[in-house]
Amino acid sequence: MDAQPLAGRTVAVPETRELEVFAAMLERRGASVVRCPLIAIRDAPDPAPVLAFARGFAEGSCDDLILTTGEGLRRILGCIERHEPALRARFLEALGRVRKITRGPKPARALREIGLKPDLPAAQPTTAGIIASLLSEDLRGRRVGVQLYGTEPNRPLMQFLEGAGARVLSVAPYVYADAADDAAVHRLLARLNAGEVDAIAFTSTPQVARLFAVAPAEVVSAALARTLVAAVGPVVAEALGRHGVTPRLVPEESFFLKPLTTALEEALRAHA
């Protein structure tokens, strides 16, 4: 087996939080990595609403907690540790009691990091998957906490829960912000358009939104058409699809960086 199966290949990586981890996986396989983080993840600018949610949660305000991302749980705990560390033990105790509903493997992993596990994993790692998993549950009168994906209000989920008779309490523990400046994004698009990049691997929906916000849709679509577009999972694939882009590569089951790297390796070797 070739120790560097991606030698001579160039892969664009718009990841932010685990940029160097992802880049290192590709570089160990011989790839040249174009680093262009499109978004940054930051704590909610006002910690007060996050702390208010955490205090209420610790006091028993929720029967269920829907975790849409692993980042969300980690940011809630980080906010507690920075601003009100005495609250952590009571929050974790309450977290152990409630029914924990997870959208995919990343929030499940965040729970395992603190010695817990999901009680009801979504059938698919999407909002629709959460809804499908809750359709047979009696939610009337239940108090459901929802950790939002950035500041996206997730109206389909909220409408479903309220329509099922639940009382919903939401929390937005982090926000997305632009990372690379517009000029850097235009340089990335130029390299894609020139055919200098063999693949681009999207790992979150805000990356897709940022790319299409910087340049006209037809310019972005034309640039992406000249490379192999990969998505870490179905949520990101759906975001690309809303812009008329069909990713050629989506891992079938495990939606993490390592399976994505393996899938990229296989796809690029096949198209050598």
C-alpha atoms as a PDB file:
ATOM      1  CA  MET A   1       0.000   0.000   0.000  1.00  0.00           C
ATOM      2  CA  ASP A   2       1.331   3.436  -0.962  1.00  0.00           C
ATOM      3  CA  ALA A   3       2.409   5.252   2.219  1.00  0.00           C
ATOM      4  CA  GLN A   4       1.471   8.579   0.611  1.00  0.00           C
ATOM      5  CA  PRO A   5      -1.552   7.848  -1.575  1.00  0.00           C
ATOM      6  CA  LEU A   6      -2.400  11.551  -1.937  1.00  0.00           C
ATOM      7  CA  ALA A   7       1.048  12.659  -3.131  1.00  0.00           C
ATOM      8  CA  GLY A   8       0.641  15.306  -5.825  1.00  0.00           C
ATOM      9  CA  ARG A   9      -2.949  16.041  -4.790  1.00  0.00           C
ATOM     10  CA  THR A  10      -4.169  19.395  -3.478  1.00  0.00           C
ATOM     11  CA  VAL A  11      -7.094  19.516  -1.032  1.00  0.00           C
ATOM     12  CA  ALA A  12      -8.794  22.711   0.183  1.00  0.00           C
ATOM     13  CA  VAL A  13      -9.849  22.662   3.832  1.00  0.00           C
ATOM     14  CA  PRO A  14     -12.329  25.335   5.038  1.00  0.00           C
ATOM     15  CA  GLU A  15     -12.485  23.798   8.549  1.00  0.00           C
ATOM     16  CA  THR A  16     -11.766  26.056  11.541  1.00  0.00           C
ATOM     17  CA  ARG A  17     -11.910  24.350  14.935  1.00  0.00           C
ATOM     18  CA  GLU A  18     -10.030  21.203  13.904  1.00  0.00           C
ATOM     19  CA  LEU A  19      -8.197  22.696  10.940  1.00  0.00           C
ATOM     20  CA  GLU A  20      -4.731  21.457  11.857  1.00  0.00           C
ATOM     21  CA  VAL A  21      -6.008  18.009  12.843  1.00  0.00           C
ATOM     22  CA  PHE A  22      -7.711  17.599   9.475  1.00  0.00           C
ATOM     23  CA  ALA A  23      -4.788  19.096   7.564  1.00  0.00           C
ATOM     24  CA  ALA A  24      -2.331  16.753   9.307  1.00  0.00           C
ATOM     25  CA  MET A  25      -4.403  13.699   8.346  1.00  0.00           C
ATOM     26  CA  LEU A  26      -4.241  14.732   4.707  1.00  0.00           C
ATOM     27  CA  GLU A  27      -0.584  15.783   4.764  1.00  0.00           C
ATOM     28  CA  ARG A  28       0.461  12.431   6.264  1.00  0.00           C
ATOM     29  CA  ARG A  29      -1.042  10.895   3.136  1.00  0.00           C
ATOM     30  CA  GLY A  30       1.043  13.207   0.959  1.00  0.00           C
ATOM     31  CA  ALA A  31      -1.556  15.838   0.077  1.00  0.00           C
ATOM     32  CA  SER A  32      -0.837  19.530  -0.286  1.00  0.00           C
ATOM     33  CA  VAL A  33      -3.419  21.319   1.883  1.00  0.00           C
ATOM     34  CA  VAL A  34      -4.905  24.730   1.121  1.00  0.00           C
ATOM     35  CA  ARG A  35      -5.970  26.122   4.503  1.00  0.00           C
ATOM     36  CA  CYS A  36      -8.820  28.604   4.208  1.00  0.00           C
ATOM     37  CA  PRO A  37     -10.979  28.648   7.355  1.00  0.00           C
ATOM     38  CA  LEU A  38     -14.252  30.214   6.244  1.00  0.00           C
ATOM     39  CA  ILE A  39     -15.875  30.672   9.646  1.00  0.00           C
ATOM     40  CA  ALA A  40     -14.893  30.944  13.284  1.00  0.00           C
ATOM     41  CA  ILE A  41     -16.800  29.570  16.260  1.00  0.00           C
ATOM     42  CA  ARG A  42     -17.007  31.962  19.208  1.00  0.00           C
ATOM     43  CA  ASP A  43     -18.745  32.021  22.561  1.00  0.00           C
ATOM     44  CA  ALA A  44     -22.093  33.760  22.690  1.00  0.00           C
ATOM     45  CA  PRO A  45     -21.234  37.463  23.080  1.00  0.00           C
ATOM     46  CA  ASP A  46     -23.523  37.743  26.118  1.00  0.00           C
ATOM     47  CA  PRO A  47     -23.058  34.874  28.601  1.00  0.00           C
ATOM     48  CA  ALA A  48     -26.137  35.876  30.642  1.00  0.00           C
ATOM     49  CA  PRO A  49     -28.746  33.916  28.615  1.00  0.00           C
ATOM     50  CA  VAL A  50     -26.515  30.827  28.589  1.00  0.00           C
ATOM     51  CA  LEU A  51     -26.022  31.024  32.363  1.00  0.00           C
ATOM     52  CA  ALA A  52     -29.747  31.611  32.906  1.00  0.00           C
ATOM     53  CA  PHE A  53     -30.526  28.468  30.909  1.00  0.00           C
ATOM     54  CA  ALA A  54     -27.879  26.498  32.817  1.00  0.00           C
ATOM     55  CA  ARG A  55     -29.195  27.649  36.206  1.00  0.00           C
ATOM     56  CA  GLY A  56     -32.756  26.747  35.306  1.00  0.00           C
ATOM     57  CA  PHE A  57     -31.606  23.406  33.913  1.00  0.00           C
ATOM     58  CA  ALA A  58     -29.706  22.642  37.126  1.00  0.00           C
ATOM     59  CA  GLU A  59     -32.865  23.424  39.090  1.00  0.00           C
ATOM     60  CA  GLY A  60     -34.924  20.966  37.049  1.00  0.00           C
ATOM     61  CA  SER A  61     -36.453  23.123  34.313  1.00  0.00           C
ATOM     62  CA  CYS A  62     -36.121  20.402  31.648  1.00  0.00           C
ATOM     63  CA  ASP A  63     -37.322  16.831  31.245  1.00  0.00           C
ATOM     64  CA  ASP A  64     -35.450  16.385  27.958  1.00  0.00           C
ATOM     65  CA  LEU A  65     -32.420  18.023  26.375  1.00  0.00           C
ATOM     66  CA  ILE A  66     -31.828  17.979  22.632  1.00  0.00           C
ATOM     67  CA  LEU A  67     -28.146  18.387  21.785  1.00  0.00           C
ATOM     68  CA  THR A  68     -27.634  19.307  18.145  1.00  0.00           C
ATOM     69  CA  THR A  69     -23.828  19.623  18.272  1.00  0.00           C
ATOM     70  CA  GLY A  70     -20.954  18.543  20.480  1.00  0.00           C
ATOM     71  CA  GLU A  71     -19.653  22.098  20.336  1.00  0.00           C
ATOM     72  CA  GLY A  72     -22.859  23.303  21.994  1.00  0.00           C
ATOM     73  CA  LEU A  73     -22.473  21.172  25.122  1.00  0.00           C
ATOM     74  CA  ARG A  74     -18.789  22.037  25.435  1.00  0.00           C
ATOM     75  CA  ARG A  75     -19.554  25.768  25.132  1.00  0.00           C
ATOM     76  CA  ILE A  76     -22.259  25.591  27.814  1.00  0.00           C
ATOM     77  CA  LEU A  77     -19.823  23.893  30.172  1.00  0.00           C
ATOM     78  CA  GLY A  78     -17.095  26.381  29.244  1.00  0.00           C
ATOM     79  CA  CYS A  79     -19.411  29.308  29.987  1.00  0.00           C
ATOM     80  CA  ILE A  80     -20.239  27.812  33.386  1.00  0.00           C
ATOM     81  CA  GLU A  81     -16.575  27.241  34.211  1.00  0.00           C
ATOM     82  CA  ARG A  82     -15.609  30.817  33.323  1.00  0.00           C
ATOM     83  CA  HIS A  83     -18.483  32.682  34.953  1.00  0.00           C
ATOM     84  CA  GLU A  84     -20.077  30.476  37.597  1.00  0.00           C
ATOM     85  CA  PRO A  85     -17.938  27.385  38.334  1.00  0.00           C
ATOM     86  CA  ALA A  86     -19.989  26.417  41.390  1.00  0.00           C
ATOM     87  CA  LEU A  87     -22.867  25.662  39.006  1.00  0.00           C
ATOM     88  CA  ARG A  88     -21.025  22.888  37.134  1.00  0.00           C
ATOM     89  CA  ALA A  89     -21.718  20.039  39.555  1.00  0.00           C
ATOM     90  CA  ARG A  90     -25.455  20.776  39.730  1.00  0.00           C
ATOM     91  CA  PHE A  91     -25.675  21.173  35.959  1.00  0.00           C
ATOM     92  CA  LEU A  92     -23.970  17.816  35.371  1.00  0.00           C
ATOM     93  CA  GLU A  93     -26.176  16.147  37.968  1.00  0.00           C
ATOM     94  CA  ALA A  94     -29.263  17.411  36.140  1.00  0.00           C
ATOM     95  CA  LEU A  95     -27.757  16.361  32.803  1.00  0.00           C
ATOM     96  CA  GLY A  96     -27.442  12.848  34.131  1.00  0.00           C
ATOM     97  CA  ARG A  97     -31.146  12.805  35.096  1.00  0.00           C
ATOM     98  CA  VAL A  98     -32.831  14.159  31.964  1.00  0.00           C
ATOM     99  CA  ARG A  99     -33.457  12.291  28.745  1.00  0.00           C
ATOM    100  CA  LYS A 100     -30.643  13.240  26.378  1.00  0.00           C
ATOM    101  CA  ILE A 101     -31.541  13.347  22.680  1.00  0.00           C
ATOM    102  CA  THR A 102     -28.621  13.710  20.250  1.00  0.00           C
ATOM    103  CA  ARG A 103     -28.642  14.725  16.607  1.00  0.00           C
ATOM    104  CA  GLY A 104     -25.557  12.752  15.632  1.00  0.00           C
ATOM    105  CA  PRO A 105     -22.209  11.293  16.718  1.00  0.00           C
ATOM    106  CA  LYS A 106     -20.582  14.581  17.752  1.00  0.00           C
ATOM    107  CA  PRO A 107     -22.946  15.455  20.637  1.00  0.00           C
ATOM    108  CA  ALA A 108     -22.824  11.787  21.647  1.00  0.00           C
ATOM    109  CA  ARG A 109     -19.038  12.035  21.833  1.00  0.00           C
ATOM    110  CA  ALA A 110     -19.264  15.231  23.907  1.00  0.00           C
ATOM    111  CA  LEU A 111     -21.500  13.388  26.371  1.00  0.00           C
ATOM    112  CA  ARG A 112     -19.052  10.496  26.597  1.00  0.00           C
ATOM    113  CA  GLU A 113     -16.293  12.962  27.445  1.00  0.00           C
ATOM    114  CA  ILE A 114     -18.121  13.684  30.729  1.00  0.00           C
ATOM    115  CA  GLY A 115     -19.109  10.089  31.432  1.00  0.00           C
ATOM    116  CA  LEU A 116     -22.644  10.191  29.984  1.00  0.00           C
ATOM    117  CA  LYS A 117     -24.354   8.813  26.898  1.00  0.00           C
ATOM    118  CA  PRO A 118     -27.405   9.596  24.765  1.00  0.00           C
ATOM    119  CA  ASP A 119     -30.744   8.170  25.798  1.00  0.00           C
ATOM    120  CA  LEU A 120     -32.327   8.695  22.388  1.00  0.00           C
ATOM    121  CA  PRO A 121     -29.982   9.118  19.414  1.00  0.00           C
ATOM    122  CA  ALA A 122     -31.664  10.546  16.322  1.00  0.00           C
ATOM    123  CA  ALA A 123     -32.400   8.049  13.561  1.00  0.00           C
ATOM    124  CA  GLN A 124     -30.430  10.315  11.197  1.00  0.00           C
ATOM    125  CA  PRO A 125     -28.032  13.142  12.173  1.00  0.00           C
ATOM    126  CA  THR A 126     -30.417  15.853  10.983  1.00  0.00           C
ATOM    127  CA  THR A 127     -33.322  17.894  12.323  1.00  0.00           C
ATOM    128  CA  ALA A 128     -35.636  15.586  10.378  1.00  0.00           C
ATOM    129  CA  GLY A 129     -33.922  12.663  12.110  1.00  0.00           C
ATOM    130  CA  ILE A 130     -34.642  14.146  15.543  1.00  0.00           C
ATOM    131  CA  ILE A 131     -38.272  14.702  14.621  1.00  0.00           C
ATOM    132  CA  ALA A 132     -38.604  11.162  13.262  1.00  0.00           C
ATOM    133  CA  SER A 133     -37.181   9.742  16.495  1.00  0.00           C
ATOM    134  CA  LEU A 134     -39.661  11.737  18.590  1.00  0.00           C
ATOM    135  CA  LEU A 135     -42.786  11.064  16.531  1.00  0.00           C
ATOM    136  CA  SER A 136     -43.764   8.057  18.648  1.00  0.00           C
ATOM    137  CA  GLU A 137     -43.017   9.834  21.957  1.00  0.00           C
ATOM    138  CA  ASP A 138     -45.682  11.526  24.054  1.00  0.00           C
ATOM    139  CA  LEU A 139     -44.338  15.060  24.451  1.00  0.00           C
ATOM    140  CA  ARG A 140     -47.451  16.655  25.923  1.00  0.00           C
ATOM    141  CA  GLY A 141     -46.459  18.749  28.923  1.00  0.00           C
ATOM    142  CA  ARG A 142     -42.781  17.825  28.677  1.00  0.00           C
ATOM    143  CA  ARG A 143     -40.228  20.574  29.106  1.00  0.00           C
ATOM    144  CA  VAL A 144     -37.700  20.224  26.301  1.00  0.00           C
ATOM    145  CA  GLY A 145     -34.387  22.070  26.233  1.00  0.00           C
ATOM    146  CA  VAL A 146     -32.945  22.648  22.759  1.00  0.00           C
ATOM    147  CA  GLN A 147     -29.304  23.557  22.196  1.00  0.00           C
ATOM    148  CA  LEU A 148     -29.299  25.519  18.976  1.00  0.00           C
ATOM    149  CA  TYR A 149     -26.856  25.151  16.098  1.00  0.00           C
ATOM    150  CA  GLY A 150     -25.172  28.539  16.300  1.00  0.00           C
ATOM    151  CA  THR A 151     -27.969  31.094  16.343  1.00  0.00           C
ATOM    152  CA  GLU A 152     -30.092  29.259  13.753  1.00  0.00           C
ATOM    153  CA  PRO A 153     -33.602  29.183  15.321  1.00  0.00           C
ATOM    154  CA  ASN A 154     -34.389  25.739  13.855  1.00  0.00           C
ATOM    155  CA  ARG A 155     -38.047  26.560  13.281  1.00  0.00           C
ATOM    156  CA  PRO A 156     -38.988  23.099  11.934  1.00  0.00           C
ATOM    157  CA  LEU A 157     -37.897  21.487  15.213  1.00  0.00           C
ATOM    158  CA  MET A 158     -39.476  24.200  17.352  1.00  0.00           C
ATOM    159  CA  GLN A 159     -42.765  23.967  15.486  1.00  0.00           C
ATOM    160  CA  PHE A 160     -42.802  20.181  15.806  1.00  0.00           C
ATOM    161  CA  LEU A 161     -42.137  20.259  19.567  1.00  0.00           C
ATOM    162  CA  GLU A 162     -44.710  22.952  20.243  1.00  0.00           C
ATOM    163  CA  GLY A 163     -47.238  21.214  18.021  1.00  0.00           C
ATOM    164  CA  ALA A 164     -46.676  18.012  20.024  1.00  0.00           C
ATOM    165  CA  GLY A 165     -47.535  19.863  23.236  1.00  0.00           C
ATOM    166  CA  ALA A 166     -44.035  20.366  24.607  1.00  0.00           C
ATOM    167  CA  ARG A 167     -42.773  23.485  26.323  1.00  0.00           C
ATOM    168  CA  VAL A 168     -39.522  24.506  24.620  1.00  0.00           C
ATOM    169  CA  LEU A 169     -36.542  26.254  26.228  1.00  0.00           C
ATOM    170  CA  SER A 170     -33.709  27.042  23.836  1.00  0.00           C
ATOM    171  CA  VAL A 171     -30.101  28.081  24.358  1.00  0.00           C
ATOM    172  CA  ALA A 172     -27.521  29.401  21.862  1.00  0.00           C
ATOM    173  CA  PRO A 173     -24.094  28.955  23.505  1.00  0.00           C
ATOM    174  CA  TYR A 174     -22.001  29.955  20.497  1.00  0.00           C
ATOM    175  CA  VAL A 175     -22.059  32.002  17.318  1.00  0.00           C
ATOM    176  CA  TYR A 176     -20.421  31.780  13.923  1.00  0.00           C
ATOM    177  CA  ALA A 177     -18.295  34.605  12.563  1.00  0.00           C
ATOM    178  CA  ASP A 178     -16.251  35.134   9.413  1.00  0.00           C
ATOM    179  CA  ALA A 179     -12.717  33.787   9.693  1.00  0.00           C
ATOM    180  CA  ALA A 180     -10.860  34.281   6.387  1.00  0.00           C
ATOM    181  CA  ASP A 181     -11.153  37.746   4.878  1.00  0.00           C
ATOM    182  CA  ASP A 182     -13.046  38.118   1.622  1.00  0.00           C
ATOM    183  CA  ALA A 183      -9.826  38.434  -0.386  1.00  0.00           C
ATOM    184  CA  ALA A 184      -8.625  35.049   0.874  1.00  0.00           C
ATOM    185  CA  VAL A 185     -11.943  33.470  -0.111  1.00  0.00           C
ATOM    186  CA  HIS A 186     -11.707  34.994  -3.590  1.00  0.00           C
ATOM    187  CA  ARG A 187      -8.178  33.577  -3.910  1.00  0.00           C
ATOM    188  CA  LEU A 188      -9.533  30.153  -3.002  1.00  0.00           C
ATOM    189  CA  LEU A 189     -12.264  30.474  -5.637  1.00  0.00           C
ATOM    190  CA  ALA A 190      -9.668  31.529  -8.215  1.00  0.00           C
ATOM    191  CA  ARG A 191      -7.552  28.443  -7.483  1.00  0.00           C
ATOM    192  CA  LEU A 192     -10.613  26.225  -7.732  1.00  0.00           C
ATOM    193  CA  ASN A 193     -11.617  27.836 -11.012  1.00  0.00           C
ATOM    194  CA  ALA A 194      -8.094  27.400 -12.393  1.00  0.00           C
ATOM    195  CA  GLY A 195      -8.234  23.671 -11.688  1.00  0.00           C
ATOM    196  CA  GLU A 196      -5.418  23.863  -9.141  1.00  0.00           C
ATOM    197  CA  VAL A 197      -7.372  22.076  -6.382  1.00  0.00           C
ATOM    198  CA  ASP A 198      -8.286  18.400  -6.627  1.00  0.00           C
ATOM    199  CA  ALA A 199     -10.868  18.415  -3.829  1.00  0.00           C
ATOM    200  CA  ILE A 200     -12.540  20.656  -1.271  1.00  0.00           C
ATOM    201  CA  ALA A 201     -13.936  19.137   1.919  1.00  0.00           C
ATOM    202  CA  PHE A 202     -16.783  20.937   3.715  1.00  0.00           C
ATOM    203  CA  THR A 203     -17.326  20.062   7.363  1.00  0.00           C
ATOM    204  CA  SER A 204     -20.134  22.437   8.438  1.00  0.00           C
ATOM    205  CA  THR A 205     -23.077  24.264   6.887  1.00  0.00           C
ATOM    206  CA  PRO A 206     -21.817  27.784   7.811  1.00  0.00           C
ATOM    207  CA  GLN A 207     -18.775  27.141   5.595  1.00  0.00           C
ATOM    208  CA  VAL A 208     -21.101  26.623   2.647  1.00  0.00           C
ATOM    209  CA  ALA A 209     -23.137  29.718   3.503  1.00  0.00           C
ATOM    210  CA  ARG A 210     -20.004  31.869   3.796  1.00  0.00           C
ATOM    211  CA  LEU A 211     -18.610  30.755   0.455  1.00  0.00           C
ATOM    212  CA  PHE A 212     -21.850  31.606  -1.332  1.00  0.00           C
ATOM    213  CA  ALA A 213     -22.109  34.907   0.543  1.00  0.00           C
ATOM    214  CA  VAL A 214     -18.738  36.167  -0.684  1.00  0.00           C
ATOM    215  CA  ALA A 215     -19.288  35.769  -4.421  1.00  0.00           C
ATOM    216  CA  PRO A 216     -22.242  35.380  -6.827  1.00  0.00           C
ATOM    217  CA  ALA A 217     -23.784  31.917  -6.782  1.00  0.00           C
ATOM    218  CA  GLU A 218     -22.893  31.255 -10.411  1.00  0.00           C
ATOM    219  CA  VAL A 219     -19.222  32.083  -9.734  1.00  0.00           C
ATOM    220  CA  VAL A 220     -19.034  29.761  -6.712  1.00  0.00           C
ATOM    221  CA  SER A 221     -20.915  26.963  -8.481  1.00  0.00           C
ATOM    222  CA  ALA A 222     -18.637  27.188 -11.513  1.00  0.00           C
ATOM    223  CA  ALA A 223     -15.540  27.016  -9.300  1.00  0.00           C
ATOM    224  CA  LEU A 224     -16.866  24.026  -7.350  1.00  0.00           C
ATOM    225  CA  ALA A 225     -17.731  22.246 -10.591  1.00  0.00           C
ATOM    226  CA  ARG A 226     -14.008  22.048 -11.370  1.00  0.00           C
ATOM    227  CA  THR A 227     -13.102  20.014  -8.291  1.00  0.00           C
ATOM    228  CA  LEU A 228     -14.253  17.038  -6.237  1.00  0.00           C
ATOM    229  CA  VAL A 229     -16.663  18.404  -3.630  1.00  0.00           C
ATOM    230  CA  ALA A 230     -16.833  16.407  -0.383  1.00  0.00           C
ATOM    231  CA  ALA A 231     -19.215  16.802   2.564  1.00  0.00           C
ATOM    232  CA  VAL A 232     -18.609  15.355   6.006  1.00  0.00           C
ATOM    233  CA  GLY A 233     -22.235  14.223   6.340  1.00  0.00           C
ATOM    234  CA  PRO A 234     -25.828  14.582   5.118  1.00  0.00           C
ATOM    235  CA  VAL A 235     -26.501  17.936   6.820  1.00  0.00           C
ATOM    236  CA  VAL A 236     -23.613  19.569   4.956  1.00  0.00           C
ATOM    237  CA  ALA A 237     -24.597  17.749   1.763  1.00  0.00           C
ATOM    238  CA  GLU A 238     -28.118  19.198   2.077  1.00  0.00           C
ATOM    239  CA  ALA A 239     -26.676  22.706   2.537  1.00  0.00           C
ATOM    240  CA  LEU A 240     -24.683  22.317  -0.670  1.00  0.00           C
ATOM    241  CA  GLY A 241     -27.755  20.932  -2.411  1.00  0.00           C
ATOM    242  CA  ARG A 242     -29.752  24.037  -1.515  1.00  0.00           C
ATOM    243  CA  HIS A 243     -27.213  25.980  -3.586  1.00  0.00           C
ATOM    244  CA  GLY A 244     -27.474  23.567  -6.493  1.00  0.00           C
ATOM    245  CA  VAL A 245     -24.220  21.724  -5.713  1.00  0.00           C
ATOM    246  CA  THR A 246     -24.261  17.945  -5.390  1.00  0.00           C
ATOM    247  CA  PRO A 247     -21.223  16.672  -3.467  1.00  0.00           C
ATOM    248  CA  ARG A 248     -19.519  13.753  -5.140  1.00  0.00           C
ATOM    249  CA  LEU A 249     -18.385  12.323  -1.838  1.00  0.00           C
ATOM    250  CA  VAL A 250     -20.254  11.869   1.475  1.00  0.00           C
ATOM    251  CA  PRO A 251     -19.186   9.179   4.004  1.00  0.00           C
ATOM    252  CA  GLU A 252     -22.014   6.691   4.376  1.00  0.00           C
ATOM    253  CA  GLU A 253     -22.121   6.186   8.131  1.00  0.00           C
ATOM    254  CA  SER A 254     -19.518   7.809  10.390  1.00  0.00           C
ATOM    255  CA  PHE A 255     -19.484  11.594  10.020  1.00  0.00           C
ATOM    256  CA  PHE A 256     -16.068  12.499  11.413  1.00  0.00           C
ATOM    257  CA  LEU A 257     -12.817  13.821   9.952  1.00  0.00           C
ATOM    258  CA  LYS A 258     -11.040  10.450   9.795  1.00  0.00           C
ATOM    259  CA  PRO A 259     -13.736   8.706   7.702  1.00  0.00           C
ATOM    260  CA  LEU A 260     -13.895  11.803   5.509  1.00  0.00           C
ATOM    261  CA  THR A 261     -10.126  11.660   5.006  1.00  0.00           C
ATOM    262  CA  THR A 262     -10.310   7.960   4.112  1.00  0.00           C
ATOM    263  CA  ALA A 263     -13.146   8.613   1.668  1.00  0.00           C
ATOM    264  CA  LEU A 264     -11.166  11.441   0.053  1.00  0.00           C
ATOM    265  CA  GLU A 265      -8.164   9.173  -0.305  1.00  0.00           C
ATOM    266  CA  GLU A 266     -10.229   6.452  -1.976  1.00  0.00           C
ATOM    267  CA  ALA A 267     -12.014   8.883  -4.295  1.00  0.00           C
ATOM    268  CA  LEU A 268      -8.860  10.679  -5.406  1.00  0.00           C
ATOM    269  CA  ARG A 269      -6.987   7.413  -5.942  1.00  0.00           C
ATOM    270  CA  ALA A 270      -9.907   6.191  -8.070  1.00  0.00           C
ATOM    271  CA  HIS A 271      -9.766   9.373 -10.178  1.00  0.00           C
ATOM    272  CA  ALA A 272      -5.993   9.348 -10.575  1.00  0.00           C
END
